[in-house]
Amino acid sequence: MTTYEQDPRVPMRPADAHRAAETAMKAVLGVAAFAGALLLLFFLYAISMAWGMAG
């Protein structure tokens, strides 16, 4: 990198910005997948409890 590119006043290069956005989206997707899995497990547990009470 040149001294010009290391200057903090210079905006991020498009490739760096894209890489940062991709990393952030992967993190968001991972958190959403984990929350969805927990929600699915909760629903399965609730359904199994409801079937147990009905029988």
N, C-alpha and C. Protein backbone atom coordinates (compact mmCIF):
# COMPACT_ATOMS: atom_id res chain seq x y z
N MET A 1 0.83 -1.18 0.00
CA MET A 1 0.00 0.00 0.00
C MET A 1 0.87 1.24 0.00
N THR A 2 0.38 2.24 -0.64
CA THR A 2 1.11 3.50 -0.67
C THR A 2 0.74 4.32 0.56
N THR A 3 1.51 5.36 0.80
CA THR A 3 1.20 6.24 1.93
C THR A 3 -0.16 6.89 1.73
N TYR A 4 -0.51 7.16 0.49
CA TYR A 4 -1.80 7.77 0.20
C TYR A 4 -2.94 6.84 0.63
N GLU A 5 -2.81 5.55 0.37
CA GLU A 5 -3.87 4.60 0.72
C GLU A 5 -3.97 4.38 2.22
N GLN A 6 -2.89 4.59 2.95
CA GLN A 6 -2.91 4.41 4.39
C GLN A 6 -3.44 5.64 5.13
N ASP A 7 -3.62 6.72 4.43
CA ASP A 7 -4.11 7.95 5.04
C ASP A 7 -5.55 7.73 5.51
N PRO A 8 -5.85 7.96 6.80
CA PRO A 8 -7.21 7.71 7.29
C PRO A 8 -8.27 8.63 6.68
N ARG A 9 -7.85 9.73 6.06
CA ARG A 9 -8.83 10.63 5.45
C ARG A 9 -9.31 10.13 4.10
N VAL A 10 -8.61 9.13 3.55
CA VAL A 10 -9.00 8.58 2.26
C VAL A 10 -10.11 7.56 2.49
N PRO A 11 -11.22 7.66 1.79
CA PRO A 11 -12.31 6.69 1.99
C PRO A 11 -11.87 5.28 1.63
N MET A 12 -12.59 4.31 2.15
CA MET A 12 -12.26 2.91 1.88
C MET A 12 -12.36 2.63 0.39
N ARG A 13 -11.50 1.74 -0.06
CA ARG A 13 -11.58 1.31 -1.45
C ARG A 13 -12.80 0.41 -1.61
N PRO A 14 -13.40 0.35 -2.80
CA PRO A 14 -14.62 -0.45 -2.99
C PRO A 14 -14.44 -1.92 -2.60
N ALA A 15 -13.29 -2.52 -2.88
CA ALA A 15 -13.08 -3.93 -2.53
C ALA A 15 -13.09 -4.11 -1.02
N ASP A 16 -12.49 -3.19 -0.30
CA ASP A 16 -12.48 -3.27 1.17
C ASP A 16 -13.89 -3.09 1.73
N ALA A 17 -14.63 -2.16 1.18
CA ALA A 17 -16.00 -1.92 1.64
C ALA A 17 -16.87 -3.14 1.37
N HIS A 18 -16.68 -3.76 0.21
CA HIS A 18 -17.47 -4.95 -0.13
C HIS A 18 -17.13 -6.10 0.81
N ARG A 19 -15.86 -6.25 1.11
CA ARG A 19 -15.42 -7.32 2.01
C ARG A 19 -15.99 -7.10 3.42
N ALA A 20 -16.01 -5.87 3.88
CA ALA A 20 -16.55 -5.55 5.20
C ALA A 20 -18.06 -5.82 5.24
N ALA A 21 -18.75 -5.44 4.17
CA ALA A 21 -20.19 -5.67 4.11
C ALA A 21 -20.49 -7.17 4.07
N GLU A 22 -19.69 -7.92 3.35
CA GLU A 22 -19.89 -9.36 3.26
C GLU A 22 -19.69 -10.02 4.63
N THR A 23 -18.69 -9.59 5.36
CA THR A 23 -18.44 -10.13 6.69
C THR A 23 -19.60 -9.81 7.63
N ALA A 24 -20.10 -8.59 7.54
CA ALA A 24 -21.23 -8.20 8.40
C ALA A 24 -22.48 -9.00 8.06
N MET A 25 -22.72 -9.22 6.78
CA MET A 25 -23.90 -9.99 6.38
C MET A 25 -23.78 -11.45 6.82
N LYS A 26 -22.57 -12.00 6.78
CA LYS A 26 -22.38 -13.37 7.26
C LYS A 26 -22.68 -13.46 8.75
N ALA A 27 -22.28 -12.46 9.50
CA ALA A 27 -22.55 -12.44 10.94
C ALA A 27 -24.05 -12.34 11.19
N VAL A 28 -24.73 -11.48 10.46
CA VAL A 28 -26.18 -11.33 10.62
C VAL A 28 -26.89 -12.63 10.25
N LEU A 29 -26.46 -13.26 9.17
CA LEU A 29 -27.06 -14.52 8.75
C LEU A 29 -26.83 -15.61 9.80
N GLY A 30 -25.66 -15.66 10.38
CA GLY A 30 -25.37 -16.65 11.41
C GLY A 30 -26.23 -16.46 12.65
N VAL A 31 -26.39 -15.23 13.08
CA VAL A 31 -27.23 -14.94 14.25
C VAL A 31 -28.69 -15.29 13.95
N ALA A 32 -29.16 -14.95 12.75
CA ALA A 32 -30.54 -15.26 12.38
C ALA A 32 -30.76 -16.77 12.30
N ALA A 33 -29.80 -17.51 11.78
CA ALA A 33 -29.93 -18.96 11.70
C ALA A 33 -29.97 -19.57 13.10
N PHE A 34 -29.15 -19.08 14.00
CA PHE A 34 -29.14 -19.58 15.38
C PHE A 34 -30.47 -19.29 16.07
N ALA A 35 -30.98 -18.07 15.91
CA ALA A 35 -32.27 -17.71 16.52
C ALA A 35 -33.40 -18.54 15.92
N GLY A 36 -33.36 -18.78 14.62
CA GLY A 36 -34.38 -19.61 13.98
C GLY A 36 -34.34 -21.04 14.48
N ALA A 37 -33.15 -21.58 14.69
CA ALA A 37 -33.03 -22.95 15.20
C ALA A 37 -33.59 -23.04 16.62
N LEU A 38 -33.30 -22.06 17.45
CA LEU A 38 -33.85 -22.06 18.80
C LEU A 38 -35.37 -21.95 18.79
N LEU A 39 -35.90 -21.12 17.92
CA LEU A 39 -37.34 -20.97 17.81
C LEU A 39 -37.99 -22.27 17.33
N LEU A 40 -37.37 -22.93 16.37
CA LEU A 40 -37.89 -24.20 15.89
C LEU A 40 -37.89 -25.24 17.01
N LEU A 41 -36.82 -25.31 17.78
CA LEU A 41 -36.78 -26.26 18.90
C LEU A 41 -37.87 -25.95 19.93
N PHE A 42 -38.10 -24.68 20.20
CA PHE A 42 -39.15 -24.30 21.14
C PHE A 42 -40.52 -24.73 20.64
N PHE A 43 -40.80 -24.50 19.34
CA PHE A 43 -42.08 -24.90 18.78
C PHE A 43 -42.26 -26.42 18.81
N LEU A 44 -41.20 -27.15 18.49
CA LEU A 44 -41.29 -28.61 18.54
C LEU A 44 -41.56 -29.09 19.96
N TYR A 45 -40.92 -28.47 20.93
CA TYR A 45 -41.15 -28.82 22.32
C TYR A 45 -42.60 -28.51 22.73
N ALA A 46 -43.09 -27.33 22.34
CA ALA A 46 -44.46 -26.93 22.69
C ALA A 46 -45.48 -27.87 22.05
N ILE A 47 -45.24 -28.26 20.81
CA ILE A 47 -46.16 -29.17 20.12
C ILE A 47 -46.14 -30.54 20.80
N SER A 48 -44.95 -31.01 21.16
CA SER A 48 -44.88 -32.32 21.81
C SER A 48 -45.58 -32.29 23.17
N MET A 49 -45.47 -31.19 23.89
CA MET A 49 -46.17 -31.07 25.17
C MET A 49 -47.68 -31.02 24.96
N ALA A 50 -48.13 -30.33 23.92
CA ALA A 50 -49.57 -30.26 23.64
C ALA A 50 -50.11 -31.64 23.26
N TRP A 51 -49.37 -32.41 22.47
CA TRP A 51 -49.81 -33.76 22.12
C TRP A 51 -49.83 -34.65 23.35
N GLY A 52 -48.90 -34.45 24.26
CA GLY A 52 -48.85 -35.25 25.47
C GLY A 52 -50.04 -34.98 26.36
N MET A 53 -50.49 -33.75 26.43
CA MET A 53 -51.64 -33.38 27.26
C MET A 53 -52.95 -33.84 26.62
N ALA A 54 -52.98 -33.90 25.30
CA ALA A 54 -54.21 -34.27 24.59
C ALA A 54 -54.47 -35.77 24.70
N GLY A 55 -53.42 -36.56 24.87
CA GLY A 55 -53.56 -38.00 24.83
C GLY A 55 -53.83 -38.61 26.13
